[in-house]
Each structure stands twice: as structure tokens, then as C-alpha cells.
Amino acid sequence: MGKKIGWETRAAAYRALIRGVSTVRVGSSLDVHRMTVGRWATLGGMKLLDGPYGGVPPMPMLRAVREAVPPPGASGPAGVLGAQGRSYRRLTLADRSFIQAARALPEPMGVRALARELGVHPSTVSREVRAHQVQHWGLAEYDAELAHYRALASRPRRRQAKLTDPRLRREVVSRLNLKYSPEQVAGELKLAFPDRAELHVSHETIYQALYVQGRGALRHELTVAKALRSGRTERIPASKLPKRSSRPWLDGARLSERPAEVADRAVPGHWEGDLVVGPGNSGIVTLVERRTRYALLGRLPGVRDSKTVTDVLAAMIAGLPAELAKTITWDQGTEMAAHAAFTIATGCPVFFCDPHSPWQRGTNENTNGLIRDFYPKGTDFNKITDAELADVQTLLNIRPRQTLHWRKPYDKLNELITGVALTT
């Protein structure tokens, strides 16, 4: 069982994440693993961003929140953080900081006392604490910054404003009459009025006004015949047809064109391949023979372009008899775009799986999982020597396999090589 980390450490992690610090840096500064920081973020209701370092989406924590104006005739002195008698308002970061401090007193303030101080209904305070407290070692803890971040993150995004402001509308129409595109209009307005946010508009809002709002009412205010250079008055719907392939190297080499003998594993010499990658553009090429499960590993020299990958692949199979290098099945990664040159050089054709179908090369997927036992994700293969990689290849190939009735891939391949040698 790991060490019991205090709430203050976890709260400090939340505050650092809110300020834009990555999970890696937070973990390093607090002496905890970055995965622990990520788990805390998830438990705290924060959405982690994808990427090698991680983090959370930024929120305008200090932006002023417009509060509702007290209704006419409302009386009562304004408190430090709120005003008695006001209509509904959202809690601010200062409000939440007051709640946190009041709950931490030797004699914590009750919900009703807090509500009186803040000038809100007691149910507002009750809902706030219940919604944003987090469990830490069996205790319910409340942090003002985390609560405020979660509240901002949960608010629905405001819809884009329409072109209703007369001055903004005139500025947009005048530029469209000069045959500006909506993107050019939006861009120049920001340059022309850098300090006038009310005169800024997105190009999508202009498109909406031309195409949708009031059946394209903005077009009727223009003096030019065409609002857009394309001349369109309606948007063209996105095609429902599949996108045309942008990978011409797949033509003639898809899985459906692979020899039928590959499927049942009865005939040896058919391989599955892939890359196991790491940081710094590092990686290794992995090959596994479908019948014997024999694995070959080749380290990339810090480059993962197609020519480098196919050169390493060619060197890996160079010592095999032609009868044991009949085909290779790969996924659709660009690292095999130069497979035609590889086939000419080696006589071994390459075939490609269907998109998002890893089970079509399941033997290789399983082998890559075994390799990750030796080299976890994040391993820099530029720091792995060829000798170390050869040792891992040996360990994989002398491992008894249930699918081979507990025979070893090494022995099975040697039997095939011996058989080929005897027949030649």
C-alpha cells in the first residue's frame, strides 16, 4: 500500500493544474507520480487533455461575473461579499474562498450562517458544497479554486451573437460590398478596431447571416450581385460517401488481395509487422511469423520515415530462406508507403489491413504486448542497444507457447528452416 498523501498536497495539485501546469510538472514538484495527479484530476471532476504531458482545459478563473441587479425597493446593507435582498446570482471565487475558510474554522460556520454572510439562499450554499466537495481518504473536502473551476467548466457555452448591432452590421456589409470574404471581414475588423470587442465577429457568424438567418436577409443589404465569390446562396451538405483514400500505396495491396493460404496458418512464411514507438522519434520494427510465432526485432536509428523502416525490415528478413519470407501483413501506417521498393528488393510483398482492424494482425498485436513487458510506454529506444534488443528477441522466442502445445517459437522455426534446407 502506498504512502497516505495529505489533502493539502492534493489541493496544491488541483491549484497548479488550474494554472496550466502539466501533470508531469505537478507530479515532479509534489513528489508524486504523474498518473496519481491524473487520477486526482479525474476524481476531482476535471477533464484531462490528451498529449504526452497532460493538463486540464484553461478557465477564466478571475473574470468578473456579472451579478443580477437588486430588485427595485430592495433594502438591507451590502455585506462584505454579497448584498442582502438581491435576486439570484452566481457564486464568485471570493464567495467560494469564504466558504472554504469558514468551513475550516475550529467551529465551522453552518449553512444558514454562511448564506447570511454571502447574501444568498441557504440552499445555494448547501448545493455548492454538496456538488463540489471531493472524497479524500474517506473525508469530504472542499477547495474553493477547484469548486470555481468545476462551476465554470460546467456552464453551457454562450451562443454566438447574431449581427444585430447596427454599427457592426454596417461595417460587415461595407466590406462584403468590396467583395471581401467573411474570413477577410472578420480579420480586418479585429485590426481596424483592436479595442472594440463589440465590433468583432467570427466569420462563421457572417456565414450564418448570409445563409440562414431570415433566409439570408443580410444578402439583401448588399450592393454586389454575389455575397460570396462562389455565388452560393446555400451551403453544400457534407457528402455521405466515404472519403477518397489519400493513401495511394494501398492500391493492389489490400488484405482482400492477400493469398488465401495466409488465413489458416497452415503454410509458413507469412509474417505480421508493426512499429513499437517511443519518444525522440525512436522505435523498433516488430515482425512475427503467423504459424510459429517467431519474432524478429529491429531498432530504428532515431528516424521513422518509410525508407528507413523498409530498410530495417529488409535487413531483418535478409537471412531467411525465400520460402519463409512470402508475405508481410501491416496496418495502414505511412511508415510502409515505400513498400513497393521493399518488395522489389526482397521479393516479399506487403499487404495492408482494413482501417481500425487490429485483429487482422492479432498475432503481432499480442507480441507487441509482450514486448511492452520489457519496454513500457515512454521507453526511449534510442537508448537501447542492439545487443539488449537481441536479448529480448531471444527471450520471446524461447518462451513456451500454449498455442504451439508448449513448444518454443525458436524450435518451430528451426524445424522449418531445416526442412527447407533438406528439400533444396
Protein backbone atom coordinates (compact mmCIF):
# COMPACT_ATOMS: atom_id res chain seq x y z
CA MET A 1 0.00 0.00 0.00
CA GLY A 2 1.34 3.44 -0.98
CA LYS A 3 2.00 6.31 1.38
CA LYS A 4 -1.01 8.24 2.64
CA ILE A 5 -0.84 11.64 0.95
CA GLY A 6 -2.44 14.57 2.77
CA TRP A 7 -5.26 16.71 1.42
CA GLU A 8 -3.05 19.81 1.22
CA THR A 9 -0.81 18.07 -1.32
CA ARG A 10 -3.78 17.04 -3.41
CA ALA A 11 -5.32 20.52 -3.21
CA ALA A 12 -1.99 22.02 -4.29
CA ALA A 13 -2.06 19.72 -7.31
CA TYR A 14 -5.52 20.99 -8.24
CA ARG A 15 -4.43 24.62 -8.00
CA ALA A 16 -1.36 24.02 -10.14
CA LEU A 17 -3.42 22.23 -12.81
CA ILE A 18 -5.88 25.14 -12.87
CA ARG A 19 -2.94 27.49 -13.52
CA GLY A 20 -1.95 25.48 -16.59
CA VAL A 21 0.84 23.33 -15.16
CA SER A 22 1.13 19.87 -16.76
CA THR A 23 0.57 16.68 -14.81
CA VAL A 24 4.24 15.79 -15.28
CA ARG A 25 5.46 19.04 -13.72
CA VAL A 26 2.87 18.91 -10.96
CA GLY A 27 3.90 15.39 -10.05
CA SER A 28 7.58 16.32 -10.10
CA SER A 29 7.10 19.37 -7.86
CA LEU A 30 4.95 17.46 -5.33
CA ASP A 31 6.98 14.24 -5.48
CA VAL A 32 4.08 12.10 -6.66
CA HIS A 33 3.66 10.11 -9.87
CA ARG A 34 2.04 11.96 -12.78
CA MET A 35 -0.52 9.16 -13.05
CA THR A 36 -1.53 9.89 -9.47
CA VAL A 37 -2.03 13.54 -10.41
CA GLY A 38 -4.11 12.46 -13.39
CA ARG A 39 -6.24 10.22 -11.19
CA TRP A 40 -6.78 13.08 -8.74
CA ALA A 41 -7.87 15.32 -11.63
CA THR A 42 -10.41 12.74 -12.78
CA LEU A 43 -11.75 12.21 -9.26
CA GLY A 44 -11.99 15.98 -8.88
CA GLY A 45 -14.22 16.25 -11.95
CA MET A 46 -11.55 17.75 -14.23
CA LYS A 47 -11.16 16.72 -17.85
CA LEU A 48 -7.60 15.76 -18.78
CA LEU A 49 -6.22 16.88 -22.13
CA ASP A 50 -4.60 14.34 -24.43
CA GLY A 51 -0.87 14.55 -25.09
CA PRO A 52 2.50 13.46 -23.71
CA TYR A 53 2.36 15.82 -20.71
CA GLY A 54 -1.33 16.23 -19.99
CA GLY A 55 -3.13 19.03 -18.23
CA VAL A 56 -6.65 20.43 -17.97
CA PRO A 57 -8.56 22.93 -20.17
CA PRO A 58 -7.97 26.54 -19.06
CA MET A 59 -10.80 28.50 -17.45
CA PRO A 60 -11.13 32.32 -16.89
CA MET A 61 -10.90 32.00 -13.12
CA LEU A 62 -10.56 35.72 -12.35
CA ARG A 63 -13.04 37.03 -14.93
CA ALA A 64 -15.66 39.26 -13.32
CA VAL A 65 -19.09 37.65 -13.12
CA ARG A 66 -21.99 40.00 -13.81
CA GLU A 67 -24.37 39.76 -10.90
CA ALA A 68 -28.09 40.43 -11.04
CA VAL A 69 -29.18 43.92 -10.06
CA PRO A 70 -31.14 44.06 -6.80
CA PRO A 71 -34.84 44.44 -7.48
CA PRO A 72 -36.40 47.88 -7.01
CA GLY A 73 -37.16 48.64 -3.39
CA ALA A 74 -34.76 46.00 -2.07
CA SER A 75 -33.28 47.05 1.22
CA GLY A 76 -30.60 45.82 3.53
CA PRO A 77 -26.92 46.72 3.87
CA ALA A 78 -24.44 45.19 1.46
CA GLY A 79 -22.25 42.62 3.12
CA VAL A 80 -18.55 42.11 2.52
CA LEU A 81 -19.13 39.54 -0.23
CA GLY A 82 -22.79 39.91 -1.05
CA ALA A 83 -25.88 42.05 -0.66
CA GLN A 84 -28.97 41.13 1.28
CA GLY A 85 -32.19 41.08 -0.73
CA ARG A 86 -30.56 40.70 -4.14
CA SER A 87 -32.01 38.37 -6.77
CA TYR A 88 -30.29 35.18 -7.86
CA ARG A 89 -26.61 35.45 -8.58
CA ARG A 90 -23.79 33.02 -9.21
CA LEU A 91 -21.16 32.42 -6.59
CA THR A 92 -17.82 34.07 -7.27
CA LEU A 93 -14.34 32.80 -6.47
CA ALA A 94 -14.31 35.14 -3.45
CA ASP A 95 -17.59 33.61 -2.25
CA ARG A 96 -16.18 30.12 -2.52
CA SER A 97 -12.97 31.16 -0.75
CA PHE A 98 -15.11 32.46 2.10
CA ILE A 99 -16.98 29.13 2.25
CA GLN A 100 -13.68 27.23 2.40
CA ALA A 101 -12.28 29.44 5.14
CA ALA A 102 -15.50 29.33 7.18
CA ARG A 103 -15.65 25.54 6.99
CA ALA A 104 -12.04 25.33 8.21
CA LEU A 105 -12.66 27.30 11.42
CA PRO A 106 -12.29 25.46 14.76
CA GLU A 107 -16.06 25.80 14.97
CA PRO A 108 -17.18 25.66 11.31
CA MET A 109 -19.95 28.01 10.26
CA GLY A 110 -23.28 26.42 9.45
CA VAL A 111 -25.02 26.61 6.11
CA ARG A 112 -27.50 29.27 7.20
CA ALA A 113 -24.81 31.46 8.74
CA LEU A 114 -22.76 31.20 5.55
CA ALA A 115 -25.80 32.09 3.46
CA ARG A 116 -26.47 35.19 5.57
CA GLU A 117 -22.89 36.38 5.17
CA LEU A 118 -22.94 35.80 1.41
CA GLY A 119 -26.44 37.17 0.86
CA VAL A 120 -27.71 34.01 -0.82
CA HIS A 121 -30.30 31.39 -0.03
CA PRO A 122 -29.12 28.55 2.26
CA SER A 123 -29.90 26.02 -0.48
CA THR A 124 -27.34 27.75 -2.71
CA VAL A 125 -24.60 27.08 -0.15
CA SER A 126 -25.84 23.58 0.52
CA ARG A 127 -25.88 22.68 -3.19
CA GLU A 128 -22.47 24.27 -3.70
CA VAL A 129 -20.74 22.23 -1.01
CA ARG A 130 -22.53 19.01 -1.93
CA ALA A 131 -21.78 19.37 -5.64
CA HIS A 132 -18.11 20.31 -5.44
CA GLN A 133 -16.63 18.56 -2.43
CA VAL A 134 -14.39 15.57 -3.14
CA GLN A 135 -13.62 12.47 -1.13
CA HIS A 136 -10.10 12.13 0.25
CA TRP A 137 -9.32 9.13 2.46
CA GLY A 138 -12.97 8.90 3.47
CA LEU A 139 -13.38 12.60 4.27
CA ALA A 140 -15.33 15.16 2.23
CA GLU A 141 -13.00 18.05 1.38
CA TYR A 142 -13.84 21.39 -0.28
CA ASP A 143 -11.38 23.59 -2.19
CA ALA A 144 -12.52 26.99 -3.45
CA GLU A 145 -10.40 27.07 -6.62
CA LEU A 146 -11.36 23.54 -7.63
CA ALA A 147 -15.03 24.29 -6.96
CA HIS A 148 -14.89 27.50 -9.01
CA TYR A 149 -13.07 25.75 -11.86
CA ARG A 150 -15.69 22.98 -11.94
CA ALA A 151 -18.51 25.51 -11.88
CA LEU A 152 -17.07 27.40 -14.84
CA ALA A 153 -16.39 24.20 -16.75
CA SER A 154 -19.98 23.01 -16.33
CA ARG A 155 -21.58 26.20 -17.64
CA PRO A 156 -23.08 25.92 -21.13
CA ARG A 157 -21.26 27.83 -23.84
CA ARG A 158 -22.93 31.02 -24.94
CA ARG A 159 -24.40 31.01 -28.42
CA GLN A 160 -22.73 33.29 -30.93
CA ALA A 161 -24.34 36.69 -31.16
CA LYS A 162 -26.19 37.45 -34.38
CA LEU A 163 -25.45 40.51 -36.49
CA THR A 164 -27.99 42.71 -34.72
CA ASP A 165 -25.77 45.63 -33.69
CA PRO A 166 -26.33 48.37 -36.34
CA ARG A 167 -22.73 49.62 -36.33
CA LEU A 168 -21.28 46.12 -36.62
CA ARG A 169 -23.75 45.24 -39.34
CA ARG A 170 -22.78 48.34 -41.37
CA GLU A 171 -19.10 47.50 -41.05
CA VAL A 172 -19.69 43.94 -42.24
CA VAL A 173 -21.93 44.96 -45.17
CA SER A 174 -19.49 47.64 -46.35
CA ARG A 175 -16.67 45.11 -46.58
CA LEU A 176 -18.78 42.44 -48.21
CA ASN A 177 -19.65 45.06 -50.85
CA LEU A 178 -15.90 45.35 -51.51
CA LYS A 179 -16.01 41.59 -52.25
CA TYR A 180 -14.21 40.64 -49.03
CA SER A 181 -14.71 37.08 -47.93
CA PRO A 182 -16.27 36.52 -44.47
CA GLU A 183 -12.83 35.49 -43.17
CA GLN A 184 -11.29 38.72 -44.51
CA VAL A 185 -14.10 40.79 -42.99
CA ALA A 186 -13.64 39.18 -39.58
CA GLY A 187 -9.86 39.56 -39.73
CA GLU A 188 -9.88 43.24 -40.77
CA LEU A 189 -12.44 44.22 -38.14
CA LYS A 190 -10.05 42.98 -35.44
CA LEU A 191 -7.24 45.06 -36.94
CA ALA A 192 -9.39 48.14 -37.52
CA PHE A 193 -10.97 48.09 -34.05
CA PRO A 194 -8.49 46.30 -31.78
CA ASP A 195 -10.05 47.72 -28.59
CA ARG A 196 -13.69 47.43 -29.64
CA ALA A 197 -14.75 43.88 -28.88
CA GLU A 198 -18.35 44.72 -29.79
CA LEU A 199 -17.19 45.27 -33.39
CA HIS A 200 -15.52 41.87 -33.64
CA VAL A 201 -17.36 38.97 -35.21
CA SER A 202 -16.41 35.47 -36.33
CA HIS A 203 -16.58 34.53 -39.99
CA GLU A 204 -18.99 31.72 -39.09
CA THR A 205 -21.50 34.31 -37.76
CA ILE A 206 -21.29 36.13 -41.10
CA TYR A 207 -21.85 32.89 -42.99
CA GLN A 208 -24.85 32.15 -40.80
CA ALA A 209 -26.31 35.58 -41.58
CA LEU A 210 -25.81 35.04 -45.30
CA TYR A 211 -27.16 31.50 -45.41
CA VAL A 212 -29.61 31.01 -42.57
CA GLN A 213 -30.85 33.98 -40.54
CA GLY A 214 -34.06 35.38 -42.04
CA ARG A 215 -33.49 33.30 -45.16
CA GLY A 216 -30.25 35.14 -45.84
CA ALA A 217 -31.55 38.61 -45.04
CA LEU A 218 -28.02 40.06 -44.96
CA ARG A 219 -27.67 39.39 -48.70
CA HIS A 220 -30.49 41.86 -49.44
CA GLU A 221 -28.47 44.69 -47.89
CA LEU A 222 -25.55 44.23 -50.28
CA THR A 223 -24.98 46.20 -53.47
CA VAL A 224 -22.95 43.43 -55.13
CA ALA A 225 -24.64 40.65 -57.06
CA LYS A 226 -22.83 37.89 -55.20
CA ALA A 227 -22.32 37.84 -51.45
CA LEU A 228 -19.65 35.16 -51.82
CA ARG A 229 -17.18 34.52 -54.60
CA SER A 230 -18.64 31.06 -55.06
CA GLY A 231 -22.03 32.60 -55.78
CA ARG A 232 -23.73 30.10 -53.48
CA THR A 233 -26.83 31.06 -51.52
CA GLU A 234 -26.95 27.78 -49.60
CA ARG A 235 -24.32 25.60 -48.04
CA ILE A 236 -23.47 22.34 -49.77
CA PRO A 237 -24.19 19.45 -47.37
CA ALA A 238 -21.24 17.27 -46.47
CA SER A 239 -21.07 14.13 -48.58
CA LYS A 240 -22.34 10.93 -47.01
CA LEU A 241 -19.94 8.90 -49.17
CA PRO A 242 -16.67 7.60 -47.70
CA LYS A 243 -13.73 9.93 -48.15
CA ARG A 244 -11.45 9.17 -51.06
CA SER A 245 -8.33 7.41 -49.88
CA SER A 246 -5.29 9.65 -49.54
CA ARG A 247 -3.02 6.60 -49.37
CA PRO A 248 -2.33 5.52 -52.94
CA TRP A 249 0.22 2.93 -51.81
CA LEU A 250 -2.67 0.75 -50.62
CA ASP A 251 -3.89 0.12 -54.16
CA GLY A 252 -3.34 -3.50 -55.13
CA ALA A 253 -2.07 -4.39 -51.66
CA ARG A 254 -5.18 -4.61 -49.50
CA LEU A 255 -5.98 -7.57 -47.31
CA SER A 256 -8.60 -8.82 -49.77
CA GLU A 257 -5.80 -9.29 -52.32
CA ARG A 258 -3.59 -11.30 -49.98
CA PRO A 259 -3.18 -15.02 -50.87
CA ALA A 260 -5.89 -17.15 -49.29
CA GLU A 261 -3.29 -19.57 -47.85
CA VAL A 262 -2.28 -16.93 -45.29
CA ALA A 263 -5.55 -17.09 -43.40
CA ASP A 264 -5.41 -20.61 -41.92
CA ARG A 265 -1.72 -20.54 -40.85
CA ALA A 266 -1.11 -23.93 -42.43
CA VAL A 267 1.60 -22.57 -44.73
CA PRO A 268 4.67 -20.99 -43.07
CA GLY A 269 6.45 -17.86 -44.25
CA HIS A 270 3.70 -15.30 -43.71
CA TRP A 271 4.51 -12.52 -41.24
CA GLU A 272 2.73 -9.70 -39.42
CA GLY A 273 4.52 -6.45 -38.66
CA ASP A 274 4.21 -3.14 -36.86
CA LEU A 275 6.18 -0.44 -35.04
CA VAL A 276 6.56 -0.09 -31.29
CA VAL A 277 7.40 3.58 -30.81
CA GLY A 278 8.85 5.76 -28.10
CA PRO A 279 9.84 9.41 -27.54
CA GLY A 280 12.51 11.17 -29.54
CA ASN A 281 11.32 9.63 -32.83
CA SER A 282 12.59 6.30 -31.54
CA GLY A 283 11.08 2.89 -32.23
CA ILE A 284 11.57 -0.73 -33.14
CA VAL A 285 10.22 -2.77 -36.03
CA THR A 286 8.46 -5.95 -34.90
CA LEU A 287 7.79 -8.98 -37.08
CA VAL A 288 6.13 -12.23 -36.04
CA GLU A 289 5.64 -15.35 -38.16
CA ARG A 290 2.00 -16.39 -38.13
CA ARG A 291 2.49 -20.15 -37.87
CA THR A 292 5.45 -20.44 -35.47
CA ARG A 293 5.03 -17.12 -33.56
CA TYR A 294 8.73 -16.49 -34.09
CA ALA A 295 9.53 -12.80 -33.51
CA LEU A 296 12.12 -10.56 -35.14
CA LEU A 297 13.01 -7.14 -33.68
CA GLY A 298 14.89 -4.33 -35.41
CA ARG A 299 15.81 -0.98 -33.89
CA LEU A 300 15.22 2.22 -35.86
CA PRO A 301 18.12 4.72 -35.91
CA GLY A 302 16.13 7.63 -34.46
CA VAL A 303 14.18 8.09 -37.72
CA ARG A 304 10.75 6.70 -38.61
CA ASP A 305 10.32 7.66 -42.27
CA SER A 306 9.22 5.00 -44.74
CA LYS A 307 12.60 4.39 -46.37
CA THR A 308 14.30 3.87 -43.01
CA VAL A 309 11.58 1.48 -41.82
CA THR A 310 11.65 -0.59 -45.00
CA ASP A 311 15.47 -0.69 -44.98
CA VAL A 312 15.46 -2.04 -41.41
CA LEU A 313 12.72 -4.50 -42.37
CA ALA A 314 14.74 -5.74 -45.35
CA ALA A 315 17.78 -6.32 -43.14
CA MET A 316 15.65 -8.26 -40.65
CA ILE A 317 14.45 -10.83 -43.20
CA ALA A 318 17.66 -10.96 -45.23
CA GLY A 319 18.81 -14.20 -43.57
CA LEU A 320 15.55 -16.08 -44.13
CA PRO A 321 15.07 -18.58 -46.97
CA ALA A 322 12.71 -17.26 -49.65
CA GLU A 323 10.18 -19.95 -48.69
CA LEU A 324 9.94 -18.42 -45.23
CA ALA A 325 9.53 -14.80 -46.37
CA LYS A 326 6.40 -14.97 -48.51
CA THR A 327 4.24 -12.05 -47.30
CA ILE A 328 4.03 -9.39 -44.60
CA THR A 329 0.75 -8.01 -43.26
CA TRP A 330 0.86 -4.44 -41.90
CA ASP A 331 -1.57 -1.76 -40.77
CA GLN A 332 -2.17 1.33 -42.90
CA GLY A 333 0.54 3.49 -41.33
CA THR A 334 2.52 5.80 -43.59
CA GLU A 335 5.75 4.13 -42.49
CA MET A 336 5.12 1.49 -45.19
CA ALA A 337 4.38 3.92 -48.03
CA ALA A 338 7.61 2.76 -49.73
CA HIS A 339 6.62 -0.92 -49.60
CA ALA A 340 6.81 -1.30 -53.41
CA ALA A 341 10.58 -0.68 -53.36
CA PHE A 342 10.90 -3.08 -50.42
CA THR A 343 9.09 -5.81 -52.37
CA ILE A 344 11.32 -5.32 -55.42
CA ALA A 345 14.42 -5.58 -53.24
CA THR A 346 13.33 -8.60 -51.19
CA GLY A 347 10.68 -10.39 -53.26
CA CYS A 348 8.34 -10.24 -50.24
CA PRO A 349 5.04 -8.43 -50.90
CA VAL A 350 3.29 -6.36 -48.22
CA PHE A 351 -0.48 -6.35 -47.64
CA PHE A 352 -2.46 -3.88 -45.54
CA CYS A 353 -5.24 -4.48 -43.03
CA ASP A 354 -8.56 -2.67 -43.13
CA PRO A 355 -8.74 0.59 -41.13
CA HIS A 356 -9.20 0.19 -37.37
CA SER A 357 -8.98 -3.61 -37.56
CA PRO A 358 -6.09 -4.67 -35.29
CA TRP A 359 -7.50 -8.21 -35.01
CA GLN A 360 -6.48 -8.79 -38.64
CA ARG A 361 -2.91 -8.91 -37.39
CA GLY A 362 -3.68 -10.17 -33.92
CA THR A 363 -0.51 -12.26 -33.55
CA ASN A 364 1.60 -9.13 -33.91
CA GLU A 365 -0.63 -7.17 -31.53
CA ASN A 366 -0.16 -9.89 -28.93
CA THR A 367 3.60 -9.92 -29.47
CA ASN A 368 3.80 -6.14 -29.10
CA GLY A 369 2.03 -6.53 -25.76
CA LEU A 370 4.73 -8.99 -24.67
CA ILE A 371 7.41 -6.54 -25.80
CA ARG A 372 5.85 -3.84 -23.63
CA ASP A 373 6.58 -6.05 -20.62
CA PHE A 374 10.25 -5.37 -21.36
CA TYR A 375 9.89 -1.82 -22.66
CA PRO A 376 6.94 0.05 -21.08
CA LYS A 377 5.37 3.02 -22.82
CA GLY A 378 7.68 6.01 -22.66
CA THR A 379 10.83 3.94 -23.27
CA ASP A 380 13.34 5.80 -25.45
CA PHE A 381 14.57 3.14 -27.88
CA ASN A 382 17.42 5.41 -28.93
CA LYS A 383 18.99 4.44 -25.59
CA ILE A 384 18.52 0.69 -26.13
CA THR A 385 21.49 -1.12 -27.65
CA ASP A 386 21.22 -3.70 -30.42
CA ALA A 387 22.61 -6.31 -28.03
CA GLU A 388 19.88 -5.60 -25.47
CA LEU A 389 17.21 -5.83 -28.18
CA ALA A 390 18.67 -9.14 -29.36
CA ASP A 391 18.40 -10.49 -25.81
CA VAL A 392 14.70 -9.57 -25.70
CA GLN A 393 14.15 -11.24 -29.07
CA THR A 394 15.76 -14.41 -27.72
CA LEU A 395 13.61 -14.37 -24.58
CA LEU A 396 10.47 -14.03 -26.69
CA ASN A 397 11.44 -16.93 -28.95
CA ILE A 398 12.43 -19.41 -26.22
CA ARG A 399 9.18 -18.87 -24.32
CA PRO A 400 6.90 -21.95 -24.46
CA ARG A 401 3.59 -21.07 -26.11
CA GLN A 402 0.26 -22.72 -25.37
CA THR A 403 -0.87 -22.22 -28.97
CA LEU A 404 2.16 -24.30 -30.03
CA HIS A 405 1.31 -27.03 -27.49
CA TRP A 406 4.01 -25.60 -25.25
CA ARG A 407 6.66 -25.74 -27.93
CA LYS A 408 9.02 -22.78 -28.41
CA PRO A 409 8.89 -20.49 -31.47
CA TYR A 410 12.66 -20.90 -31.79
CA ASP A 411 12.38 -24.67 -32.14
CA LYS A 412 9.43 -24.48 -34.53
CA LEU A 413 11.20 -22.08 -36.89
CA ASN A 414 14.41 -24.13 -36.79
CA GLU A 415 12.42 -27.19 -37.85
CA LEU A 416 11.04 -25.27 -40.81
CA ILE A 417 14.48 -23.93 -41.80
CA THR A 418 15.94 -27.44 -41.55
CA GLY A 419 13.11 -28.82 -43.65
CA VAL A 420 13.65 -26.15 -46.29
CA ALA A 421 17.38 -26.88 -46.35
CA LEU A 422 16.78 -30.62 -46.83
CA THR A 423 14.50 -30.06 -49.79
CA THR A 424 16.85 -27.72 -51.62
